[in-house]
Amino acid sequence: MRPARPSWATDELADLHDMAWDFLSVEVAAHSEEWARNQCVDRSFWRRAGELGLVCASIPEKYGGGGGNFLHYAAISSAYARTGDRSWGNAVHSGVVAHYLLSYGTDEQKERWLPPMATGEVIAAIALTEPSAGSDLKELRTTAIRDGDHYIVNGSKTFITNGSSADLVVVAAKTDPAASARGVSLLLVDATSPGFTRGRVLDKIGQHGADTSELYFENLRVPARNLLGTEGRGFHQIMAQLPQERLIIGITAVGAIEMALEATVRHTKERKVFGAALLNLQNTRFQLAECATDARIARVFLDDCIVRHVREGLDDATAAMCKWWLTQLQCDVIDRCLQLFGGYGYMREYPIARLYADARAQRIYGGANEIQKELIARSL
């Protein structure tokens, strides 16, 4: 079923949303099992999405993008979220890396990387997390030591979305290992560079089609001109971009909530128990009434966050609320919906089972939910 038009959508944005849904729903139905087997989305899909303008839609036309704003990205992301698939790494590619380049890149960097990113010819990743440093980015151990016109990069990263496919990786490293947060810088790394090695594609509980990998750097020489922004300002750049990343995670959460509710209502109308539809049982009706209310509140809150972000930028505390509450609610609602499927809910052939497995990571990446609560508390 075609998802409802978002409250913030103009006719133009509604058309973009519907076009994205028409393409993505068909592609997901046809290829999601293949993506799960291969643990990545094939490059031909990226190029087809690029041809339709579904990649880098919020990047200016002069850099090859769609010329829209975050609402254009959100229209596409909302449509994709309702497919239930979590394989395509466009959130990182278009919603995160492209905006790092747009915000901090030189003209040369933007002209080199953004046009092929917009066509889907170049796939991008951002490498922040390390085996010993996740939510606390001040503790990064990957180093980038200046050597003439280059930085020499050594270290490793893990849980990197698009990691095994990426042609471009934004790498966070310590250019001054003794300076804590003030020593973090961002580098643009061409994945063909000697010293750059990909590790295994990680075997996850869910999101099986998503390319999530380990990366290694051994005496990797990165030209100094590939510094993204100002040396020593990487931590501040990351913090400035995190509200949008957390809002994107919220879009995924609400799409999953709405899909789970729709699938469960349909199932309970069709499933017969004691000679009548499962939906006729009071417990079922009450459970779904609560889930429907949660879904409505989640949508209203999310849409308000999206509009705030476009108008004046989403503040850190509200972005943290959006991320932790919507992802927690996602897990709670999907769990309650799965229960109404009985044993079938535990079978991966049913979308509700895949939604359940895929949801859990949402409370971890983008900053663990416990960190989000700490950010909110600091604002009180």
Protein backbone atom coordinates (compact mmCIF):
# COMPACT_ATOMS: atom_id res chain seq x y z
CA MET A 1 0.00 0.00 0.00
CA ARG A 2 1.30 3.45 -0.93
CA PRO A 3 2.28 5.33 2.28
CA ALA A 4 0.42 8.52 3.17
CA ARG A 5 1.72 11.90 2.06
CA PRO A 6 3.84 13.54 4.81
CA SER A 7 2.22 16.59 6.40
CA TRP A 8 5.12 18.84 5.35
CA ALA A 9 5.05 17.77 1.70
CA THR A 10 4.17 20.25 -1.03
CA ASP A 11 2.77 18.87 -4.28
CA GLU A 12 6.33 18.71 -5.64
CA LEU A 13 7.59 16.80 -2.61
CA ALA A 14 4.56 14.49 -2.68
CA ASP A 15 5.30 13.66 -6.31
CA LEU A 16 8.93 12.93 -5.42
CA HIS A 17 7.80 10.75 -2.50
CA ASP A 18 5.42 8.80 -4.74
CA MET A 19 7.99 8.37 -7.49
CA ALA A 20 10.52 7.12 -4.97
CA TRP A 21 7.96 4.69 -3.55
CA ASP A 22 7.01 3.37 -6.99
CA PHE A 23 10.65 2.62 -7.80
CA LEU A 24 11.92 1.48 -4.40
CA SER A 25 9.00 -0.76 -3.47
CA VAL A 26 9.33 -2.68 -6.74
CA GLU A 27 13.12 -2.96 -6.47
CA VAL A 28 13.02 -4.08 -2.84
CA ALA A 29 10.41 -6.74 -3.59
CA ALA A 30 12.50 -8.02 -6.48
CA HIS A 31 16.00 -7.87 -4.98
CA SER A 32 15.98 -7.76 -1.17
CA GLU A 33 16.67 -11.50 -0.80
CA GLU A 34 19.54 -11.23 -3.28
CA TRP A 35 20.98 -8.26 -1.38
CA ALA A 36 20.76 -10.23 1.85
CA ARG A 37 22.63 -13.18 0.31
CA ASN A 38 25.32 -10.90 -1.13
CA GLN A 39 25.46 -8.67 1.99
CA CYS A 40 25.35 -5.57 -0.19
CA VAL A 41 23.27 -3.71 -2.75
CA ASP A 42 24.52 -4.08 -6.31
CA ARG A 43 26.03 -1.06 -8.03
CA SER A 44 23.51 -1.16 -10.87
CA PHE A 45 20.80 -0.30 -8.34
CA TRP A 46 22.78 2.73 -7.14
CA ARG A 47 23.11 3.92 -10.74
CA ARG A 48 19.41 3.44 -11.50
CA ALA A 49 18.50 5.35 -8.35
CA GLY A 50 20.96 8.07 -9.41
CA GLU A 51 19.34 8.35 -12.83
CA LEU A 52 15.98 8.97 -11.14
CA GLY A 53 17.39 11.69 -8.89
CA LEU A 54 17.03 9.65 -5.69
CA VAL A 55 20.69 10.08 -4.73
CA CYS A 56 22.04 13.38 -3.35
CA ALA A 57 18.69 15.07 -3.90
CA SER A 58 19.52 17.76 -1.30
CA ILE A 59 22.84 18.71 -2.93
CA PRO A 60 23.05 21.78 -5.25
CA GLU A 61 22.69 21.21 -8.97
CA LYS A 62 26.10 22.74 -9.66
CA TYR A 63 27.62 19.72 -7.90
CA GLY A 64 25.41 17.26 -9.75
CA GLY A 65 22.73 16.95 -7.06
CA GLY A 66 19.00 17.44 -7.24
CA GLY A 67 19.12 21.04 -6.05
CA GLY A 68 16.67 20.44 -3.23
CA ASN A 69 16.87 20.77 0.54
CA PHE A 70 16.50 18.28 3.38
CA LEU A 71 12.78 17.93 2.66
CA HIS A 72 13.62 16.40 -0.71
CA TYR A 73 15.93 13.92 0.97
CA ALA A 74 13.27 13.23 3.64
CA ALA A 75 10.63 12.52 0.99
CA ILE A 76 12.86 9.85 -0.54
CA SER A 77 13.97 8.49 2.82
CA SER A 78 10.38 8.25 4.07
CA ALA A 79 9.36 6.26 1.01
CA TYR A 80 12.31 3.91 1.42
CA ALA A 81 11.65 3.45 5.15
CA ARG A 82 8.14 2.17 4.39
CA THR A 83 9.52 -0.63 2.17
CA GLY A 84 10.90 -2.28 5.31
CA ASP A 85 14.27 -2.84 3.65
CA ARG A 86 17.48 -1.78 5.40
CA SER A 87 20.04 -2.76 2.77
CA TRP A 88 20.59 0.47 0.85
CA GLY A 89 23.19 2.74 2.45
CA ASN A 90 21.83 5.94 0.92
CA ALA A 91 21.26 7.47 4.35
CA VAL A 92 25.01 7.52 4.94
CA HIS A 93 25.84 8.33 1.32
CA SER A 94 23.34 11.13 0.60
CA GLY A 95 22.22 12.17 4.06
CA VAL A 96 25.61 12.21 5.80
CA VAL A 97 28.75 12.09 3.63
CA ALA A 98 27.41 14.36 0.91
CA HIS A 99 26.60 17.01 3.52
CA TYR A 100 30.03 16.73 5.13
CA LEU A 101 31.47 17.52 1.72
CA LEU A 102 28.99 20.31 1.10
CA SER A 103 29.62 21.91 4.50
CA TYR A 104 33.40 21.53 4.83
CA GLY A 105 34.83 20.62 1.44
CA THR A 106 36.88 22.85 -0.80
CA ASP A 107 35.54 23.63 -4.27
CA GLU A 108 38.01 21.11 -5.66
CA GLN A 109 36.83 18.38 -3.26
CA LYS A 110 33.16 19.05 -3.96
CA GLU A 111 33.66 19.15 -7.73
CA ARG A 112 35.64 15.91 -7.66
CA TRP A 113 33.39 13.78 -5.48
CA LEU A 114 29.81 15.07 -5.38
CA PRO A 115 28.87 14.67 -9.09
CA PRO A 116 29.79 10.97 -9.28
CA MET A 117 28.15 10.44 -5.88
CA ALA A 118 24.93 11.92 -7.28
CA THR A 119 24.91 9.52 -10.22
CA GLY A 120 25.62 6.52 -8.03
CA GLU A 121 28.93 5.88 -9.76
CA VAL A 122 30.83 6.58 -6.53
CA ILE A 123 29.61 5.10 -3.24
CA ALA A 124 30.60 6.89 -0.04
CA ALA A 125 31.09 5.88 3.59
CA ILE A 126 32.12 7.59 6.81
CA ALA A 127 34.52 5.80 9.16
CA LEU A 128 34.18 6.95 12.76
CA THR A 129 33.72 3.87 14.94
CA GLU A 130 36.71 1.80 16.04
CA PRO A 131 36.97 -1.48 17.95
CA SER A 132 37.70 0.50 21.13
CA ALA A 133 35.83 3.76 20.39
CA GLY A 134 32.17 4.07 19.49
CA SER A 135 30.03 6.77 21.06
CA ASP A 136 33.11 8.41 22.65
CA LEU A 137 34.90 9.73 19.57
CA LYS A 138 37.53 11.55 21.65
CA GLU A 139 39.13 8.14 22.24
CA LEU A 140 39.95 7.40 18.60
CA ARG A 141 43.22 5.53 18.10
CA THR A 142 43.55 5.84 14.33
CA THR A 143 46.28 8.39 13.66
CA ALA A 144 47.02 10.67 10.71
CA ILE A 145 50.49 12.14 11.15
CA ARG A 146 51.62 14.91 8.83
CA ASP A 147 54.59 14.04 6.62
CA GLY A 148 55.30 16.82 4.15
CA ASP A 149 52.42 17.03 1.69
CA HIS A 150 50.75 13.89 3.05
CA TYR A 151 49.21 12.39 6.16
CA ILE A 152 50.32 8.91 7.13
CA VAL A 153 47.26 7.05 8.42
CA ASN A 154 47.40 3.96 10.63
CA GLY A 155 44.58 2.25 12.46
CA SER A 156 41.30 0.44 11.96
CA LYS A 157 37.55 1.03 11.85
CA THR A 158 34.57 -1.24 12.35
CA PHE A 159 30.79 -1.28 11.77
CA ILE A 160 31.24 0.91 8.68
CA THR A 161 28.12 1.21 6.51
CA ASN A 162 28.95 0.84 2.79
CA GLY A 163 32.43 -0.26 3.90
CA SER A 164 33.07 -3.04 1.39
CA SER A 165 31.57 -1.06 -1.52
CA ALA A 166 32.79 2.47 -0.83
CA ASP A 167 34.97 4.32 -3.32
CA LEU A 168 35.27 7.31 -0.98
CA VAL A 169 35.60 7.13 2.80
CA VAL A 170 35.57 10.08 5.20
CA VAL A 171 37.97 8.93 7.92
CA ALA A 172 38.15 10.42 11.41
CA ALA A 173 41.70 10.23 12.79
CA LYS A 174 43.92 11.86 15.38
CA THR A 175 46.25 14.37 13.74
CA ASP A 176 47.38 15.23 17.26
CA PRO A 177 47.14 12.05 19.37
CA ALA A 178 47.73 13.98 22.62
CA ALA A 179 45.00 16.58 22.10
CA SER A 180 41.80 14.59 22.81
CA ALA A 181 38.85 16.10 20.90
CA ARG A 182 41.00 18.96 19.57
CA GLY A 183 43.25 16.42 17.86
CA VAL A 184 40.56 14.85 15.65
CA SER A 185 40.55 15.64 11.93
CA LEU A 186 38.64 14.34 8.91
CA LEU A 187 40.32 13.03 5.77
CA LEU A 188 38.90 12.08 2.38
CA VAL A 189 40.33 8.67 1.51
CA ASP A 190 40.23 7.22 -1.99
CA ALA A 191 39.57 3.51 -1.49
CA THR A 192 42.01 2.59 -4.27
CA SER A 193 44.94 4.01 -2.29
CA PRO A 194 47.77 1.63 -1.26
CA GLY A 195 47.57 0.91 2.45
CA PHE A 196 43.76 0.90 2.48
CA THR A 197 42.37 -2.60 3.15
CA ARG A 198 38.84 -3.85 3.62
CA GLY A 199 38.16 -6.48 6.23
CA ARG A 200 35.22 -8.83 6.42
CA VAL A 201 31.61 -7.90 5.84
CA LEU A 202 30.16 -8.34 9.31
CA ASP A 203 27.54 -11.00 10.08
CA LYS A 204 24.76 -9.10 11.84
CA ILE A 205 21.58 -10.13 13.66
CA GLY A 206 19.55 -8.15 11.14
CA GLN A 207 19.98 -5.75 8.21
CA HIS A 208 21.58 -8.63 6.34
CA GLY A 209 21.64 -6.84 2.99
CA ALA A 210 23.48 -3.83 4.43
CA ASP A 211 27.17 -3.70 3.65
CA THR A 212 28.73 -3.24 7.11
CA SER A 213 32.47 -3.81 7.17
CA GLU A 214 35.83 -3.47 8.85
CA LEU A 215 38.48 -1.14 7.38
CA TYR A 216 42.24 -1.07 7.95
CA PHE A 217 44.89 1.56 7.28
CA GLU A 218 48.57 0.66 7.23
CA ASN A 219 50.93 3.51 6.39
CA LEU A 220 48.23 4.90 4.12
CA ARG A 221 49.44 8.09 2.47
CA VAL A 222 46.67 10.65 2.09
CA PRO A 223 47.45 13.92 0.29
CA ALA A 224 47.20 16.91 2.61
CA ARG A 225 44.77 18.50 0.15
CA ASN A 226 42.31 15.73 1.15
CA LEU A 227 41.90 17.21 4.62
CA LEU A 228 38.17 17.91 5.01
CA GLY A 229 37.76 21.26 6.70
CA THR A 230 40.30 22.44 9.27
CA GLU A 231 42.88 20.28 11.01
CA GLY A 232 41.88 19.64 14.60
CA ARG A 233 38.25 20.61 14.02
CA GLY A 234 36.98 17.15 13.05
CA PHE A 235 35.24 16.48 16.35
CA HIS A 236 33.32 19.77 16.11
CA GLN A 237 32.40 19.02 12.49
CA ILE A 238 31.05 15.62 13.50
CA MET A 239 29.02 17.12 16.35
CA ALA A 240 27.54 19.71 14.00
CA GLN A 241 26.37 17.04 11.55
CA LEU A 242 24.99 14.58 14.11
CA PRO A 243 21.53 16.21 14.52
CA GLN A 244 20.75 15.55 10.85
CA GLU A 245 22.07 11.99 11.12
CA ARG A 246 19.89 11.34 14.17
CA LEU A 247 16.87 12.83 12.42
CA ILE A 248 17.47 10.46 9.51
CA ILE A 249 17.49 7.53 11.94
CA GLY A 250 14.15 8.80 13.25
CA ILE A 251 12.70 8.76 9.72
CA THR A 252 13.66 5.11 9.41
CA ALA A 253 12.13 4.31 12.80
CA VAL A 254 8.74 5.85 12.03
CA GLY A 255 8.58 4.21 8.62
CA ALA A 256 9.18 0.83 10.27
CA ILE A 257 6.54 1.51 12.95
CA GLU A 258 3.94 2.39 10.34
CA MET A 259 4.77 -0.61 8.18
CA ALA A 260 4.62 -2.99 11.15
CA LEU A 261 1.24 -1.62 12.20
CA GLU A 262 -0.19 -1.87 8.68
CA ALA A 263 1.04 -5.46 8.24
CA THR A 264 -0.31 -6.49 11.65
CA VAL A 265 -3.75 -4.99 11.11
CA ARG A 266 -3.96 -6.84 7.80
CA HIS A 267 -2.83 -10.11 9.40
CA THR A 268 -5.26 -9.89 12.32
CA LYS A 269 -8.16 -9.31 9.95
CA GLU A 270 -7.24 -12.42 7.95
CA ARG A 271 -6.12 -14.76 10.77
CA LYS A 272 -8.92 -16.86 12.28
CA VAL A 273 -8.86 -17.77 15.99
CA PHE A 274 -11.72 -19.61 17.74
CA GLY A 275 -13.82 -19.29 14.61
CA ALA A 276 -13.45 -15.52 14.20
CA ALA A 277 -10.87 -12.97 13.06
CA LEU A 278 -7.99 -12.41 15.47
CA LEU A 279 -8.89 -8.71 15.38
CA ASN A 280 -12.19 -9.53 17.12
CA LEU A 281 -10.39 -10.40 20.34
CA GLN A 282 -10.32 -7.56 22.84
CA ASN A 283 -6.61 -7.95 23.58
CA THR A 284 -5.78 -7.67 19.89
CA ARG A 285 -7.91 -4.55 19.47
CA PHE A 286 -6.43 -2.91 22.56
CA GLN A 287 -2.85 -3.74 21.55
CA LEU A 288 -3.37 -2.33 18.07
CA ALA A 289 -5.18 0.73 19.42
CA GLU A 290 -2.14 1.51 21.57
CA CYS A 291 0.27 0.87 18.70
CA ALA A 292 -1.78 3.07 16.36
CA THR A 293 -1.71 5.87 18.92
CA ASP A 294 2.05 5.49 19.35
CA ALA A 295 2.49 5.56 15.57
CA ARG A 296 0.43 8.75 15.24
CA ILE A 297 2.37 10.53 18.00
CA ALA A 298 5.66 9.38 16.51
CA ARG A 299 4.72 10.72 13.07
CA VAL A 300 3.64 14.11 14.45
CA PHE A 301 6.84 14.44 16.49
CA LEU A 302 9.03 13.37 13.57
CA ASP A 303 7.35 15.76 11.13
CA ASP A 304 7.79 18.61 13.61
CA CYS A 305 11.52 17.76 13.89
CA ILE A 306 11.88 17.70 10.11
CA VAL A 307 10.25 21.12 9.72
CA ARG A 308 12.34 22.57 12.57
CA HIS A 309 15.50 21.21 10.98
CA VAL A 310 14.76 22.84 7.64
CA ARG A 311 13.70 26.17 9.14
CA GLU A 312 16.35 26.79 11.78
CA GLY A 313 18.35 23.62 12.28
CA LEU A 314 17.51 20.96 14.82
CA ASP A 315 19.10 21.57 18.22
CA ASP A 316 21.19 18.82 19.81
CA ALA A 317 18.72 17.99 22.57
CA THR A 318 15.71 17.65 20.28
CA ALA A 319 17.73 15.57 17.83
CA ALA A 320 18.70 13.30 20.71
CA MET A 321 15.04 13.02 21.76
CA CYS A 322 14.12 12.16 18.19
CA LYS A 323 16.77 9.46 17.94
CA TRP A 324 16.33 7.70 21.28
CA TRP A 325 12.58 7.90 21.67
CA LEU A 326 11.63 6.93 18.13
CA THR A 327 14.08 4.02 17.96
CA GLN A 328 12.97 2.74 21.38
CA LEU A 329 9.34 3.05 20.29
CA GLN A 330 10.21 1.26 17.04
CA CYS A 331 11.50 -1.75 18.96
CA ASP A 332 8.54 -1.72 21.37
CA VAL A 333 5.81 -1.44 18.72
CA ILE A 334 7.34 -4.03 16.41
CA ASP A 335 7.72 -6.45 19.32
CA ARG A 336 4.04 -6.07 20.24
CA CYS A 337 3.01 -6.47 16.60
CA LEU A 338 5.15 -9.58 16.19
CA GLN A 339 3.40 -11.19 19.18
CA LEU A 340 0.10 -10.98 17.32
CA PHE A 341 1.55 -13.10 14.52
CA GLY A 342 2.24 -15.96 16.92
CA GLY A 343 4.86 -18.43 15.69
CA TYR A 344 4.71 -16.99 12.19
CA GLY A 345 6.13 -13.75 13.53
CA TYR A 346 9.40 -15.55 14.24
CA MET A 347 9.80 -16.74 10.66
CA ARG A 348 12.05 -14.60 8.45
CA GLU A 349 9.75 -15.09 5.48
CA TYR A 350 7.34 -12.74 7.23
CA PRO A 351 8.25 -9.03 7.00
CA ILE A 352 7.46 -8.50 10.68
CA ALA A 353 10.32 -10.84 11.63
CA ARG A 354 12.78 -8.90 9.49
CA LEU A 355 11.53 -5.60 10.88
CA TYR A 356 12.09 -6.98 14.39
CA ALA A 357 15.67 -8.06 13.70
CA ASP A 358 16.53 -4.89 11.78
CA ALA A 359 15.20 -2.54 14.45
CA ARG A 360 17.60 -3.39 17.26
CA ALA A 361 20.65 -1.68 15.75
CA GLN A 362 18.77 1.61 15.57
CA ARG A 363 19.18 2.04 19.33
CA ILE A 364 22.96 1.67 18.98
CA TYR A 365 24.29 3.50 15.92
CA GLY A 366 24.25 7.26 15.56
CA GLY A 367 25.23 7.40 19.24
CA ALA A 368 23.81 4.85 21.68
CA ASN A 369 20.47 5.81 23.21
CA GLU A 370 22.06 6.13 26.63
CA ILE A 371 24.26 8.89 25.19
CA GLN A 372 21.18 10.61 23.78
CA LYS A 373 19.60 10.75 27.23
CA GLU A 374 22.79 12.26 28.64
CA LEU A 375 22.69 14.96 25.93
CA ILE A 376 19.08 15.74 26.77
CA ALA A 377 19.82 15.90 30.49
CA ARG A 378 22.64 18.39 29.90
CA SER A 379 20.15 20.76 28.25
CA LEU A 380 17.74 20.82 31.19
